[in-house]
Amino acid sequence: MTVIGAHEPRAASVHNQQTFDTCIATTLRLLATIEFAPVVGDEPLTPDLLDAYATEIERHAQDLAALAGFPHTDVIGYGRDWYQEVSRARRAPLQAAYHAIHSAAWLGLEQGATTAGMLAGVAAAVRDLAGQHGRLTN
């Protein structure tokens, strides 16, 4: 998938690349915590914490789009639309979130707004998981 209006990617600074890598790694850790905390006897994350984390993922997605030269692109809407489409294909929220974070990692910082849309897709899935608190997620 690509975001309409995408243009040639810009070279990322070392700082921006490190920030992006940290975002990907911490988001992947969040998803693993959602999946494995109940299995190892840890308390599941609260809906409020999941919602707060989704807000931060969306902020990162918007920052990434702006960095790529698309500050007014609705990456949050793109991510939600992507998530709804994937959900119709019967993917569980956690599975969809993993798919989106893997896509974002593969696309990389250089793909700007498209990568931002994938991060926003993760946020949409995490918000869905927050609403399903206490139910199986995969």
Protein backbone atom coordinates (compact mmCIF):
# COMPACT_ATOMS: atom_id res chain seq x y z
CA MET A 1 0.00 0.00 0.00
CA THR A 2 1.13 3.53 -0.62
CA VAL A 3 -0.13 6.85 0.55
CA ILE A 4 -1.53 8.98 -2.24
CA GLY A 5 0.73 11.90 -3.03
CA ALA A 6 3.91 10.15 -1.91
CA HIS A 7 7.14 11.45 -3.39
CA GLU A 8 10.79 10.47 -3.38
CA PRO A 9 11.98 9.59 0.13
CA ARG A 10 14.52 11.82 1.84
CA ALA A 11 17.69 10.53 3.42
CA ALA A 12 17.22 10.06 7.15
CA SER A 13 19.56 11.57 9.68
CA VAL A 14 21.23 9.24 12.16
CA HIS A 15 19.14 10.71 14.99
CA ASN A 16 15.89 10.25 13.07
CA GLN A 17 16.86 6.68 12.19
CA GLN A 18 17.65 5.89 15.83
CA THR A 19 14.35 7.40 16.94
CA PHE A 20 12.48 5.36 14.33
CA ASP A 21 14.29 2.16 15.36
CA THR A 22 13.42 2.83 19.01
CA CYS A 23 9.76 3.38 18.10
CA ILE A 24 9.65 0.09 16.18
CA ALA A 25 11.41 -1.83 18.97
CA THR A 26 9.27 -0.45 21.80
CA THR A 27 6.07 -1.00 19.83
CA LEU A 28 7.08 -4.58 19.11
CA ARG A 29 7.79 -5.04 22.81
CA LEU A 30 4.33 -3.66 23.62
CA LEU A 31 2.72 -6.19 21.28
CA ALA A 32 4.75 -9.02 22.79
CA THR A 33 3.69 -7.90 26.27
CA ILE A 34 0.04 -7.95 25.21
CA GLU A 35 0.50 -11.45 23.85
CA PHE A 36 2.70 -13.04 26.49
CA ALA A 37 1.98 -11.29 29.82
CA PRO A 38 -1.03 -13.49 30.59
CA VAL A 39 0.92 -16.61 29.64
CA VAL A 40 3.75 -15.92 32.09
CA GLY A 41 1.44 -14.78 34.88
CA ASP A 42 1.97 -11.03 34.57
CA GLU A 43 -0.93 -8.64 34.84
CA PRO A 44 -2.37 -7.65 31.47
CA LEU A 45 -1.94 -4.03 30.45
CA THR A 46 -4.89 -1.83 31.35
CA PRO A 47 -7.14 -0.32 28.67
CA ASP A 48 -6.00 3.16 29.75
CA LEU A 49 -2.35 2.24 29.29
CA LEU A 50 -3.05 0.67 25.89
CA ASP A 51 -4.97 3.77 24.82
CA ALA A 52 -2.13 6.03 25.98
CA TYR A 53 0.38 3.94 24.07
CA ALA A 54 -1.81 4.09 20.94
CA THR A 55 -1.82 7.88 21.24
CA GLU A 56 1.99 7.88 21.32
CA ILE A 57 2.19 5.58 18.30
CA GLU A 58 -0.12 7.96 16.43
CA ARG A 59 2.10 10.89 17.44
CA HIS A 60 5.13 9.07 16.07
CA ALA A 61 3.23 8.33 12.86
CA GLN A 62 2.31 12.00 12.43
CA ASP A 63 5.89 13.07 13.14
CA LEU A 64 7.17 10.59 10.58
CA ALA A 65 4.78 11.88 7.93
CA ALA A 66 5.86 15.46 8.66
CA LEU A 67 9.51 14.45 8.49
CA ALA A 68 8.83 12.92 5.08
CA GLY A 69 7.37 16.20 3.86
CA PHE A 70 3.68 15.36 4.36
CA PRO A 71 2.70 17.25 7.51
CA HIS A 72 -0.97 17.45 6.48
CA THR A 73 -1.43 13.83 5.42
CA ASP A 74 -4.11 12.06 7.44
CA VAL A 75 -1.94 9.11 8.42
CA ILE A 76 -4.17 8.36 11.40
CA GLY A 77 -7.16 8.00 9.08
CA TYR A 78 -5.06 5.94 6.68
CA GLY A 79 -4.03 3.63 9.53
CA ARG A 80 -7.60 3.23 10.74
CA ASP A 81 -8.83 2.51 7.21
CA TRP A 82 -6.04 -0.04 6.75
CA TYR A 83 -6.91 -1.68 10.06
CA GLN A 84 -10.62 -1.89 9.19
CA GLU A 85 -9.75 -3.48 5.85
CA VAL A 86 -7.46 -6.03 7.50
CA SER A 87 -10.06 -6.72 10.20
CA ARG A 88 -12.61 -7.60 7.55
CA ALA A 89 -10.18 -10.28 6.38
CA ARG A 90 -10.68 -11.87 9.82
CA ARG A 91 -7.35 -10.99 11.31
CA ALA A 92 -7.38 -10.66 15.08
CA PRO A 93 -6.25 -7.25 16.37
CA LEU A 94 -2.94 -8.56 17.69
CA GLN A 95 -2.20 -10.35 14.43
CA ALA A 96 -3.03 -7.18 12.48
CA ALA A 97 -0.79 -5.12 14.76
CA TYR A 98 2.12 -7.49 14.23
CA HIS A 99 1.55 -7.34 10.48
CA ALA A 100 1.56 -3.54 10.54
CA ILE A 101 4.67 -3.20 12.72
CA HIS A 102 6.55 -5.67 10.54
CA SER A 103 5.46 -3.71 7.48
CA ALA A 104 6.60 -0.44 9.05
CA ALA A 105 9.96 -1.95 9.98
CA TRP A 106 10.43 -3.32 6.47
CA LEU A 107 9.38 -0.07 4.78
CA GLY A 108 11.71 1.90 6.99
CA LEU A 109 12.05 5.56 7.68
CA GLU A 110 12.73 6.27 4.02
CA GLN A 111 9.16 5.40 3.00
CA GLY A 112 7.85 8.21 5.17
CA ALA A 113 4.09 8.59 4.99
CA THR A 114 3.46 4.96 4.02
CA THR A 115 5.44 3.77 7.03
CA ALA A 116 3.59 6.32 9.16
CA GLY A 117 0.31 4.83 7.98
CA MET A 118 1.44 1.38 9.08
CA LEU A 119 2.35 2.75 12.53
CA ALA A 120 -1.10 4.32 12.70
CA GLY A 121 -2.53 0.90 11.81
CA VAL A 122 -0.75 -0.52 14.86
CA ALA A 123 -2.32 2.23 16.97
CA ALA A 124 -5.79 1.36 15.64
CA ALA A 125 -5.25 -2.30 16.53
CA VAL A 126 -3.96 -1.40 20.01
CA ARG A 127 -7.06 0.77 20.58
CA ASP A 128 -9.21 -2.19 19.54
CA LEU A 129 -7.31 -4.40 21.98
CA ALA A 130 -7.92 -1.83 24.73
CA GLY A 131 -11.64 -2.18 24.05
CA GLN A 132 -11.39 -5.96 24.25
CA HIS A 133 -9.67 -5.98 27.64
CA GLY A 134 -10.03 -9.38 29.26
CA ARG A 135 -10.77 -11.30 26.06
CA LEU A 136 -8.43 -13.44 23.99
CA THR A 137 -6.50 -11.37 21.47
CA ASN A 138 -5.31 -14.01 19.06
